Amino acid sequence: CQVLRGLACGKSAKELAETLGVVRKTILSDCEYIRRHYC
């Protein structure tokens, strides 16, 4: 949910990873999960 809010504010994957304390690959995986579980 925080990734979605960050995307809406125009943040990049690298910025979100630093903010949330995870690696960039985790952010990309979260985006893919959100796309596959849209509901």
PDB file of all heavy atoms in Angstrom:
ATOM      1  N   CYS A   1       0.835  -1.207   0.000  1.00  0.00           N
ATOM      2  CA  CYS A   1       0.000   0.000   0.000  1.00  0.00           C
ATOM      3  C   CYS A   1       0.870   1.257   0.000  1.00  0.00           C
ATOM      4  O   CYS A   1       0.566   2.247  -0.682  1.00  0.00           O
ATOM      5  CB  CYS A   1      -0.925   0.007   1.219  1.00  0.00           C
ATOM      6  SG  CYS A   1      -2.200  -1.274   1.160  1.00  0.00           S
ATOM      7  N   GLN A   2       1.993   1.183   0.747  1.00  0.00           N
ATOM      8  CA  GLN A   2       2.917   2.315   0.761  1.00  0.00           C
ATOM      9  C   GLN A   2       3.590   2.488  -0.607  1.00  0.00           C
ATOM     10  O   GLN A   2       3.860   3.618  -1.049  1.00  0.00           O
ATOM     11  CB  GLN A   2       3.971   2.114   1.846  1.00  0.00           C
ATOM     12  CG  GLN A   2       3.417   2.217   3.263  1.00  0.00           C
ATOM     13  CD  GLN A   2       4.478   1.930   4.327  1.00  0.00           C
ATOM     14  OE1 GLN A   2       5.645   1.733   4.012  1.00  0.00           O
ATOM     15  NE2 GLN A   2       4.043   1.905   5.583  1.00  0.00           N
ATOM     16  N   VAL A   3       3.854   1.378  -1.282  1.00  0.00           N
ATOM     17  CA  VAL A   3       4.410   1.450  -2.639  1.00  0.00           C
ATOM     18  C   VAL A   3       3.433   2.154  -3.560  1.00  0.00           C
ATOM     19  O   VAL A   3       3.826   3.021  -4.376  1.00  0.00           O
ATOM     20  CB  VAL A   3       4.739   0.025  -3.159  1.00  0.00           C
ATOM     21  CG1 VAL A   3       5.041   0.052  -4.658  1.00  0.00           C
ATOM     22  CG2 VAL A   3       5.915  -0.565  -2.402  1.00  0.00           C
ATOM     23  N   LEU A   4       2.146   1.846  -3.455  1.00  0.00           N
ATOM     24  CA  LEU A   4       1.139   2.503  -4.286  1.00  0.00           C
ATOM     25  C   LEU A   4       1.104   4.007  -4.017  1.00  0.00           C
ATOM     26  O   LEU A   4       1.023   4.826  -4.954  1.00  0.00           O
ATOM     27  CB  LEU A   4      -0.236   1.883  -4.023  1.00  0.00           C
ATOM     28  CG  LEU A   4      -0.541   0.565  -4.742  1.00  0.00           C
ATOM     29  CD1 LEU A   4      -1.842  -0.023  -4.234  1.00  0.00           C
ATOM     30  CD2 LEU A   4      -0.610   0.784  -6.250  1.00  0.00           C
ATOM     31  N   ARG A   5       1.167   4.380  -2.752  1.00  0.00           N
ATOM     32  CA  ARG A   5       1.143   5.808  -2.420  1.00  0.00           C
ATOM     33  C   ARG A   5       2.389   6.511  -2.961  1.00  0.00           C
ATOM     34  O   ARG A   5       2.333   7.647  -3.424  1.00  0.00           O
ATOM     35  CB  ARG A   5       1.049   5.967  -0.902  1.00  0.00           C
ATOM     36  CG  ARG A   5      -0.264   5.469  -0.317  1.00  0.00           C
ATOM     37  CD  ARG A   5      -0.398   5.832   1.153  1.00  0.00           C
ATOM     38  NE  ARG A   5      -1.610   5.249   1.726  1.00  0.00           N
ATOM     39  CZ  ARG A   5      -1.647   4.112   2.410  1.00  0.00           C
ATOM     40  NH1 ARG A   5      -0.528   3.428   2.621  1.00  0.00           N
ATOM     41  NH2 ARG A   5      -2.788   3.648   2.879  1.00  0.00           N
ATOM     42  N   GLY A   6       3.536   5.804  -2.874  1.00  0.00           N
ATOM     43  CA  GLY A   6       4.764   6.383  -3.401  1.00  0.00           C
ATOM     44  C   GLY A   6       4.717   6.541  -4.910  1.00  0.00           C
ATOM     45  O   GLY A   6       5.178   7.557  -5.458  1.00  0.00           O
ATOM     46  N   LEU A   7       4.147   5.542  -5.612  1.00  0.00           N
ATOM     47  CA  LEU A   7       3.990   5.643  -7.064  1.00  0.00           C
ATOM     48  C   LEU A   7       3.100   6.818  -7.433  1.00  0.00           C
ATOM     49  O   LEU A   7       3.357   7.543  -8.402  1.00  0.00           O
ATOM     50  CB  LEU A   7       3.394   4.347  -7.620  1.00  0.00           C
ATOM     51  CG  LEU A   7       4.293   3.107  -7.638  1.00  0.00           C
ATOM     52  CD1 LEU A   7       3.484   1.902  -8.086  1.00  0.00           C
ATOM     53  CD2 LEU A   7       5.480   3.315  -8.553  1.00  0.00           C
ATOM     54  N   ALA A   8       2.035   7.020  -6.645  1.00  0.00           N
ATOM     55  CA  ALA A   8       1.112   8.125  -6.918  1.00  0.00           C
ATOM     56  C   ALA A   8       1.793   9.475  -6.731  1.00  0.00           C
ATOM     57  O   ALA A   8       1.438  10.451  -7.400  1.00  0.00           O
ATOM     58  CB  ALA A   8      -0.103   8.017  -6.009  1.00  0.00           C
ATOM     59  N   CYS A   9       2.775   9.537  -5.839  1.00  0.00           N
ATOM     60  CA  CYS A   9       3.511  10.791  -5.603  1.00  0.00           C
ATOM     61  C   CYS A   9       4.666  10.969  -6.574  1.00  0.00           C
ATOM     62  O   CYS A   9       5.410  11.952  -6.475  1.00  0.00           O
ATOM     63  CB  CYS A   9       4.035  10.824  -4.167  1.00  0.00           C
ATOM     64  SG  CYS A   9       2.725  10.879  -2.937  1.00  0.00           S
ATOM     65  N   GLY A  10       4.891   9.962  -7.459  1.00  0.00           N
ATOM     66  CA  GLY A  10       5.916  10.094  -8.472  1.00  0.00           C
ATOM     67  C   GLY A  10       7.297   9.642  -8.053  1.00  0.00           C
ATOM     68  O   GLY A  10       8.289  10.002  -8.693  1.00  0.00           O
ATOM     69  N   LYS A  11       7.399   8.863  -6.972  1.00  0.00           N
ATOM     70  CA  LYS A  11       8.707   8.383  -6.517  1.00  0.00           C
ATOM     71  C   LYS A  11       9.193   7.245  -7.407  1.00  0.00           C
ATOM     72  O   LYS A  11       8.394   6.485  -7.966  1.00  0.00           O
ATOM     73  CB  LYS A  11       8.627   7.909  -5.073  1.00  0.00           C
ATOM     74  CG  LYS A  11       8.420   9.030  -4.071  1.00  0.00           C
ATOM     75  CD  LYS A  11       8.448   8.493  -2.640  1.00  0.00           C
ATOM     76  CE  LYS A  11       8.283   9.625  -1.633  1.00  0.00           C
ATOM     77  NZ  LYS A  11       8.324   9.137  -0.243  1.00  0.00           N
ATOM     78  N   SER A  12      10.509   7.095  -7.490  1.00  0.00           N
ATOM     79  CA  SER A  12      11.090   6.001  -8.264  1.00  0.00           C
ATOM     80  C   SER A  12      11.237   4.765  -7.384  1.00  0.00           C
ATOM     81  O   SER A  12      11.075   4.825  -6.159  1.00  0.00           O
ATOM     82  CB  SER A  12      12.460   6.417  -8.802  1.00  0.00           C
ATOM     83  OG  SER A  12      13.372   6.591  -7.717  1.00  0.00           O
ATOM     84  N   ALA A  13      11.572   3.644  -8.022  1.00  0.00           N
ATOM     85  CA  ALA A  13      11.750   2.399  -7.275  1.00  0.00           C
ATOM     86  C   ALA A  13      12.906   2.506  -6.290  1.00  0.00           C
ATOM     87  O   ALA A  13      12.845   2.005  -5.171  1.00  0.00           O
ATOM     88  CB  ALA A  13      11.987   1.239  -8.249  1.00  0.00           C
ATOM     89  N   LYS A  14      13.968   3.190  -6.695  1.00  0.00           N
ATOM     90  CA  LYS A  14      15.131   3.346  -5.830  1.00  0.00           C
ATOM     91  C   LYS A  14      14.780   4.180  -4.595  1.00  0.00           C
ATOM     92  O   LYS A  14      15.169   3.852  -3.456  1.00  0.00           O
ATOM     93  CB  LYS A  14      16.262   4.002  -6.610  1.00  0.00           C
ATOM     94  CG  LYS A  14      17.559   4.091  -5.836  1.00  0.00           C
ATOM     95  CD  LYS A  14      18.664   4.679  -6.710  1.00  0.00           C
ATOM     96  CE  LYS A  14      19.980   4.765  -5.923  1.00  0.00           C
ATOM     97  NZ  LYS A  14      21.067   5.345  -6.753  1.00  0.00           N
ATOM     98  N   GLU A  15      14.015   5.250  -4.804  1.00  0.00           N
ATOM     99  CA  GLU A  15      13.605   6.094  -3.672  1.00  0.00           C
ATOM    100  C   GLU A  15      12.683   5.342  -2.723  1.00  0.00           C
ATOM    101  O   GLU A  15      12.807   5.439  -1.498  1.00  0.00           O
ATOM    102  CB  GLU A  15      12.909   7.352  -4.208  1.00  0.00           C
ATOM    103  CG  GLU A  15      13.843   8.299  -4.954  1.00  0.00           C
ATOM    104  CD  GLU A  15      13.083   9.394  -5.665  1.00  0.00           C
ATOM    105  OE1 GLU A  15      11.836   9.267  -5.839  1.00  0.00           O
ATOM    106  OE2 GLU A  15      13.727  10.376  -6.062  1.00  0.00           O
ATOM    107  N   LEU A  16      11.746   4.554  -3.301  1.00  0.00           N
ATOM    108  CA  LEU A  16      10.838   3.764  -2.449  1.00  0.00           C
ATOM    109  C   LEU A  16      11.603   2.707  -1.654  1.00  0.00           C
ATOM    110  O   LEU A  16      11.305   2.463  -0.488  1.00  0.00           O
ATOM    111  CB  LEU A  16       9.768   3.090  -3.323  1.00  0.00           C
ATOM    112  CG  LEU A  16       8.667   4.004  -3.870  1.00  0.00           C
ATOM    113  CD1 LEU A  16       7.819   3.249  -4.893  1.00  0.00           C
ATOM    114  CD2 LEU A  16       7.794   4.494  -2.725  1.00  0.00           C
ATOM    115  N   ALA A  17      12.602   2.085  -2.305  1.00  0.00           N
ATOM    116  CA  ALA A  17      13.393   1.065  -1.621  1.00  0.00           C
ATOM    117  C   ALA A  17      14.140   1.664  -0.436  1.00  0.00           C
ATOM    118  O   ALA A  17      14.198   1.066   0.647  1.00  0.00           O
ATOM    119  CB  ALA A  17      14.372   0.420  -2.601  1.00  0.00           C
ATOM    120  N   GLU A  18      14.713   2.859  -0.612  1.00  0.00           N
ATOM    121  CA  GLU A  18      15.431   3.501   0.485  1.00  0.00           C
ATOM    122  C   GLU A  18      14.481   3.909   1.606  1.00  0.00           C
ATOM    123  O   GLU A  18      14.798   3.787   2.792  1.00  0.00           O
ATOM    124  CB  GLU A  18      16.176   4.730  -0.052  1.00  0.00           C
ATOM    125  CG  GLU A  18      17.344   4.379  -0.964  1.00  0.00           C
ATOM    126  CD  GLU A  18      17.978   5.613  -1.583  1.00  0.00           C
ATOM    127  OE1 GLU A  18      17.434   6.728  -1.365  1.00  0.00           O
ATOM    128  OE2 GLU A  18      18.996   5.467  -2.288  1.00  0.00           O
ATOM    129  N   THR A  19      13.291   4.376   1.224  1.00  0.00           N
ATOM    130  CA  THR A  19      12.311   4.804   2.225  1.00  0.00           C
ATOM    131  C   THR A  19      11.795   3.615   3.052  1.00  0.00           C
ATOM    132  O   THR A  19      11.656   3.715   4.275  1.00  0.00           O
ATOM    133  CB  THR A  19      11.124   5.506   1.541  1.00  0.00           C
ATOM    134  OG1 THR A  19      11.603   6.581   0.759  1.00  0.00           O
ATOM    135  CG2 THR A  19      10.131   6.021   2.570  1.00  0.00           C
ATOM    136  N   LEU A  20      11.502   2.521   2.374  1.00  0.00           N
ATOM    137  CA  LEU A  20      10.899   1.351   3.044  1.00  0.00           C
ATOM    138  C   LEU A  20      11.940   0.374   3.602  1.00  0.00           C
ATOM    139  O   LEU A  20      11.569  -0.604   4.252  1.00  0.00           O
ATOM    140  CB  LEU A  20       9.974   0.613   2.069  1.00  0.00           C
ATOM    141  CG  LEU A  20       8.786   1.424   1.535  1.00  0.00           C
ATOM    142  CD1 LEU A  20       8.002   0.622   0.510  1.00  0.00           C
ATOM    143  CD2 LEU A  20       7.877   1.847   2.686  1.00  0.00           C
ATOM    144  N   GLY A  21      13.210   0.585   3.311  1.00  0.00           N
ATOM    145  CA  GLY A  21      14.260  -0.275   3.845  1.00  0.00           C
ATOM    146  C   GLY A  21      14.330  -1.636   3.184  1.00  0.00           C
ATOM    147  O   GLY A  21      14.627  -2.642   3.850  1.00  0.00           O
ATOM    148  N   VAL A  22      14.036  -1.686   1.882  1.00  0.00           N
ATOM    149  CA  VAL A  22      14.121  -2.947   1.134  1.00  0.00           C
ATOM    150  C   VAL A  22      14.957  -2.700  -0.127  1.00  0.00           C
ATOM    151  O   VAL A  22      15.349  -1.562  -0.410  1.00  0.00           O
ATOM    152  CB  VAL A  22      12.710  -3.478   0.748  1.00  0.00           C
ATOM    153  CG1 VAL A  22      11.930  -3.862   1.975  1.00  0.00           C
ATOM    154  CG2 VAL A  22      11.957  -2.435  -0.087  1.00  0.00           C
ATOM    155  N   VAL A  23      15.216  -3.752  -0.878  1.00  0.00           N
ATOM    156  CA  VAL A  23      15.970  -3.610  -2.119  1.00  0.00           C
ATOM    157  C   VAL A  23      15.013  -3.251  -3.252  1.00  0.00           C
ATOM    158  O   VAL A  23      13.802  -3.440  -3.165  1.00  0.00           O
ATOM    159  CB  VAL A  23      16.737  -4.907  -2.452  1.00  0.00           C
ATOM    160  CG1 VAL A  23      17.772  -5.203  -1.383  1.00  0.00           C
ATOM    161  CG2 VAL A  23      15.786  -6.085  -2.620  1.00  0.00           C
ATOM    162  N   ARG A  24      15.597  -2.733  -4.350  1.00  0.00           N
ATOM    163  CA  ARG A  24      14.798  -2.288  -5.496  1.00  0.00           C
ATOM    164  C   ARG A  24      14.010  -3.451  -6.110  1.00  0.00           C
ATOM    165  O   ARG A  24      12.869  -3.277  -6.556  1.00  0.00           O
ATOM    166  CB  ARG A  24      15.733  -1.669  -6.542  1.00  0.00           C
ATOM    167  CG  ARG A  24      15.030  -1.133  -7.775  1.00  0.00           C
ATOM    168  CD  ARG A  24      16.024  -0.437  -8.694  1.00  0.00           C
ATOM    169  NE  ARG A  24      15.395   0.028  -9.913  1.00  0.00           N
ATOM    170  CZ  ARG A  24      15.215  -0.718 -10.993  1.00  0.00           C
ATOM    171  NH1 ARG A  24      15.648  -1.970 -11.008  1.00  0.00           N
ATOM    172  NH2 ARG A  24      14.616  -0.215 -12.067  1.00  0.00           N
ATOM    173  N   LYS A  25      14.602  -4.661  -6.091  1.00  0.00           N
ATOM    174  CA  LYS A  25      13.923  -5.815  -6.682  1.00  0.00           C
ATOM    175  C   LYS A  25      12.624  -6.136  -5.949  1.00  0.00           C
ATOM    176  O   LYS A  25      11.640  -6.567  -6.559  1.00  0.00           O
ATOM    177  CB  LYS A  25      14.867  -7.024  -6.642  1.00  0.00           C
ATOM    178  CG  LYS A  25      14.352  -8.226  -7.383  1.00  0.00           C
ATOM    179  CD  LYS A  25      15.378  -9.350  -7.376  1.00  0.00           C
ATOM    180  CE  LYS A  25      14.853 -10.563  -8.124  1.00  0.00           C
ATOM    181  NZ  LYS A  25      15.847 -11.668  -8.106  1.00  0.00           N
ATOM    182  N   THR A  26      12.599  -5.887  -4.620  1.00  0.00           N
ATOM    183  CA  THR A  26      11.376  -6.133  -3.848  1.00  0.00           C
ATOM    184  C   THR A  26      10.260  -5.179  -4.285  1.00  0.00           C
ATOM    185  O   THR A  26       9.082  -5.566  -4.369  1.00  0.00           O
ATOM    186  CB  THR A  26      11.661  -5.966  -2.343  1.00  0.00           C
ATOM    187  OG1 THR A  26      12.690  -6.869  -1.962  1.00  0.00           O
ATOM    188  CG2 THR A  26      10.416  -6.231  -1.510  1.00  0.00           C
ATOM    189  N   ILE A  27      10.624  -3.933  -4.553  1.00  0.00           N
ATOM    190  CA  ILE A  27       9.612  -2.962  -5.005  1.00  0.00           C
ATOM    191  C   ILE A  27       9.023  -3.396  -6.343  1.00  0.00           C
ATOM    192  O   ILE A  27       7.800  -3.340  -6.558  1.00  0.00           O
ATOM    193  CB  ILE A  27      10.241  -1.563  -5.126  1.00  0.00           C
ATOM    194  CG1 ILE A  27      10.815  -1.112  -3.771  1.00  0.00           C
ATOM    195  CG2 ILE A  27       9.222  -0.550  -5.637  1.00  0.00           C
ATOM    196  CD1 ILE A  27       9.788  -0.999  -2.677  1.00  0.00           C
ATOM    197  N   LEU A  28       9.886  -3.858  -7.276  1.00  0.00           N
ATOM    198  CA  LEU A  28       9.389  -4.325  -8.573  1.00  0.00           C
ATOM    199  C   LEU A  28       8.494  -5.551  -8.409  1.00  0.00           C
ATOM    200  O   LEU A  28       7.479  -5.685  -9.097  1.00  0.00           O
ATOM    201  CB  LEU A  28      10.569  -4.648  -9.489  1.00  0.00           C
ATOM    202  CG  LEU A  28      11.463  -3.452  -9.873  1.00  0.00           C
ATOM    203  CD1 LEU A  28      12.636  -3.927 -10.697  1.00  0.00           C
ATOM    204  CD2 LEU A  28      10.657  -2.401 -10.630  1.00  0.00           C
ATOM    205  N   SER A  29       8.857  -6.449  -7.497  1.00  0.00           N
ATOM    206  CA  SER A  29       8.018  -7.638  -7.229  1.00  0.00           C
ATOM    207  C   SER A  29       6.682  -7.231  -6.647  1.00  0.00           C
ATOM    208  O   SER A  29       5.634  -7.812  -6.978  1.00  0.00           O
ATOM    209  CB  SER A  29       8.746  -8.578  -6.270  1.00  0.00           C
ATOM    210  OG  SER A  29       9.947  -9.049  -6.833  1.00  0.00           O
ATOM    211  N   ASP A  30       6.679  -6.212  -5.774  1.00  0.00           N
ATOM    212  CA  ASP A  30       5.418  -5.737  -5.211  1.00  0.00           C
ATOM    213  C   ASP A  30       4.522  -5.147  -6.295  1.00  0.00           C
ATOM    214  O   ASP A  30       3.295  -5.354  -6.285  1.00  0.00           O
ATOM    215  CB  ASP A  30       5.698  -4.679  -4.131  1.00  0.00           C
ATOM    216  CG  ASP A  30       6.227  -5.287  -2.843  1.00  0.00           C
ATOM    217  OD1 ASP A  30       6.094  -6.518  -2.688  1.00  0.00           O
ATOM    218  OD2 ASP A  30       6.764  -4.536  -2.011  1.00  0.00           O
ATOM    219  N   CYS A  31       5.119  -4.414  -7.246  1.00  0.00           N
ATOM    220  CA  CYS A  31       4.324  -3.868  -8.355  1.00  0.00           C
ATOM    221  C   CYS A  31       3.701  -4.980  -9.188  1.00  0.00           C
ATOM    222  O   CYS A  31       2.536  -4.899  -9.601  1.00  0.00           O
ATOM    223  CB  CYS A  31       5.202  -2.983  -9.239  1.00  0.00           C
ATOM    224  SG  CYS A  31       5.696  -1.439  -8.452  1.00  0.00           S
ATOM    225  N   GLU A  32       4.468  -6.025  -9.445  1.00  0.00           N
ATOM    226  CA  GLU A  32       3.944  -7.150 -10.210  1.00  0.00           C
ATOM    227  C   GLU A  32       2.828  -7.858  -9.440  1.00  0.00           C
ATOM    228  O   GLU A  32       1.816  -8.276 -10.011  1.00  0.00           O
ATOM    229  CB  GLU A  32       5.093  -8.121 -10.519  1.00  0.00           C
ATOM    230  CG  GLU A  32       4.675  -9.357 -11.292  1.00  0.00           C
ATOM    231  CD  GLU A  32       4.152  -9.017 -12.681  1.00  0.00           C
ATOM    232  OE1 GLU A  32       4.398  -7.894 -13.175  1.00  0.00           O
ATOM    233  OE2 GLU A  32       3.472  -9.868 -13.275  1.00  0.00           O
ATOM    234  N   TYR A  33       3.000  -7.991  -8.117  1.00  0.00           N
ATOM    235  CA  TYR A  33       1.956  -8.623  -7.288  1.00  0.00           C
ATOM    236  C   TYR A  33       0.676  -7.786  -7.330  1.00  0.00           C
ATOM    237  O   TYR A  33      -0.434  -8.323  -7.444  1.00  0.00           O
ATOM    238  CB  TYR A  33       2.457  -8.762  -5.851  1.00  0.00           C
ATOM    239  CG  TYR A  33       1.454  -9.405  -4.930  1.00  0.00           C
ATOM    240  CD1 TYR A  33       1.402 -10.786  -4.766  1.00  0.00           C
ATOM    241  CD2 TYR A  33       0.525  -8.633  -4.233  1.00  0.00           C
ATOM    242  CE1 TYR A  33       0.464 -11.382  -3.939  1.00  0.00           C
ATOM    243  CE2 TYR A  33      -0.410  -9.210  -3.399  1.00  0.00           C
ATOM    244  CZ  TYR A  33      -0.441 -10.586  -3.256  1.00  0.00           C
ATOM    245  OH  TYR A  33      -1.372 -11.174  -2.434  1.00  0.00           O
ATOM    246  N   ILE A  34       0.827  -6.455  -7.226  1.00  0.00           N
ATOM    247  CA  ILE A  34      -0.353  -5.580  -7.255  1.00  0.00           C
ATOM    248  C   ILE A  34      -1.081  -5.730  -8.584  1.00  0.00           C
ATOM    249  O   ILE A  34      -2.316  -5.758  -8.640  1.00  0.00           O
ATOM    250  CB  ILE A  34       0.083  -4.122  -7.018  1.00  0.00           C
ATOM    251  CG1 ILE A  34       0.629  -3.964  -5.602  1.00  0.00           C
ATOM    252  CG2 ILE A  34      -1.088  -3.165  -7.245  1.00  0.00           C
ATOM    253  CD1 ILE A  34       1.343  -2.644  -5.354  1.00  0.00           C
ATOM    254  N   ARG A  35      -0.312  -5.799  -9.686  1.00  0.00           N
ATOM    255  CA  ARG A  35      -0.945  -5.939 -10.999  1.00  0.00           C
ATOM    256  C   ARG A  35      -1.722  -7.239 -11.115  1.00  0.00           C
ATOM    257  O   ARG A  35      -2.818  -7.260 -11.659  1.00  0.00           O
ATOM    258  CB  ARG A  35       0.129  -5.880 -12.091  1.00  0.00           C
ATOM    259  CG  ARG A  35      -0.471  -5.789 -13.485  1.00  0.00           C
ATOM    260  CD  ARG A  35       0.571  -6.021 -14.547  1.00  0.00           C
ATOM    261  NE  ARG A  35       0.968  -7.420 -14.599  1.00  0.00           N
ATOM    262  CZ  ARG A  35       0.248  -8.385 -15.177  1.00  0.00           C
ATOM    263  NH1 ARG A  35      -0.906  -8.110 -15.742  1.00  0.00           N
ATOM    264  NH2 ARG A  35       0.677  -9.629 -15.188  1.00  0.00           N
ATOM    265  N   ARG A  36      -1.164  -8.336 -10.571  1.00  0.00           N
ATOM    266  CA  ARG A  36      -1.817  -9.645 -10.681  1.00  0.00           C
ATOM    267  C   ARG A  36      -2.966  -9.815  -9.688  1.00  0.00           C
ATOM    268  O   ARG A  36      -3.818 -10.685  -9.863  1.00  0.00           O
ATOM    269  CB  ARG A  36      -0.787 -10.759 -10.482  1.00  0.00           C
ATOM    270  CG  ARG A  36       0.237 -10.848 -11.602  1.00  0.00           C
ATOM    271  CD  ARG A  36       1.182 -12.016 -11.413  1.00  0.00           C
ATOM    272  NE  ARG A  36       2.180 -12.091 -12.474  1.00  0.00           N
ATOM    273  CZ  ARG A  36       1.993 -12.630 -13.665  1.00  0.00           C
ATOM    274  NH1 ARG A  36       0.801 -13.136 -13.970  1.00  0.00           N
ATOM    275  NH2 ARG A  36       2.950 -12.645 -14.569  1.00  0.00           N
ATOM    276  N   HIS A  37      -2.962  -9.019  -8.620  1.00  0.00           N
ATOM    277  CA  HIS A  37      -4.019  -9.108  -7.601  1.00  0.00           C
ATOM    278  C   HIS A  37      -4.693  -7.733  -7.481  1.00  0.00           C
ATOM    279  O   HIS A  37      -4.752  -7.134  -6.403  1.00  0.00           O
ATOM    280  CB  HIS A  37      -3.437  -9.557  -6.255  1.00  0.00           C
ATOM    281  CG  HIS A  37      -2.753 -10.892  -6.304  1.00  0.00           C
ATOM    282  ND1 HIS A  37      -1.461 -11.051  -6.759  1.00  0.00           N
ATOM    283  CD2 HIS A  37      -3.186 -12.142  -5.973  1.00  0.00           C
ATOM    284  CE1 HIS A  37      -1.119 -12.327  -6.700  1.00  0.00           C
ATOM    285  NE2 HIS A  37      -2.148 -13.014  -6.234  1.00  0.00           N
ATOM    286  N   TYR A  38      -5.182  -7.274  -8.623  1.00  0.00           N
ATOM    287  CA  TYR A  38      -5.737  -5.911  -8.704  1.00  0.00           C
ATOM    288  C   TYR A  38      -6.901  -5.716  -7.733  1.00  0.00           C
ATOM    289  O   TYR A  38      -7.020  -4.664  -7.097  1.00  0.00           O
ATOM    290  CB  TYR A  38      -6.175  -5.647 -10.148  1.00  0.00           C
ATOM    291  CG  TYR A  38      -6.886  -4.336 -10.350  1.00  0.00           C
ATOM    292  CD1 TYR A  38      -6.160  -3.160 -10.442  1.00  0.00           C
ATOM    293  CD2 TYR A  38      -8.276  -4.289 -10.454  1.00  0.00           C
ATOM    294  CE1 TYR A  38      -6.794  -1.952 -10.622  1.00  0.00           C
ATOM    295  CE2 TYR A  38      -8.920  -3.079 -10.640  1.00  0.00           C
ATOM    296  CZ  TYR A  38      -8.177  -1.914 -10.720  1.00  0.00           C
ATOM    297  OH  TYR A  38      -8.819  -0.733 -10.895  1.00  0.00           O
ATOM    298  N   CYS A  39      -7.762  -6.737  -7.597  1.00  0.00           N
ATOM    299  CA  CYS A  39      -8.961  -6.585  -6.759  1.00  0.00           C
ATOM    300  C   CYS A  39      -8.610  -6.330  -5.300  1.00  0.00           C
ATOM    301  O   CYS A  39      -9.352  -5.646  -4.572  1.00  0.00           O
ATOM    302  CB  CYS A  39      -9.849  -7.822  -6.877  1.00  0.00           C
ATOM    303  SG  CYS A  39     -10.556  -8.035  -8.511  1.00  0.00           S
TER     304      CYS A  39
END
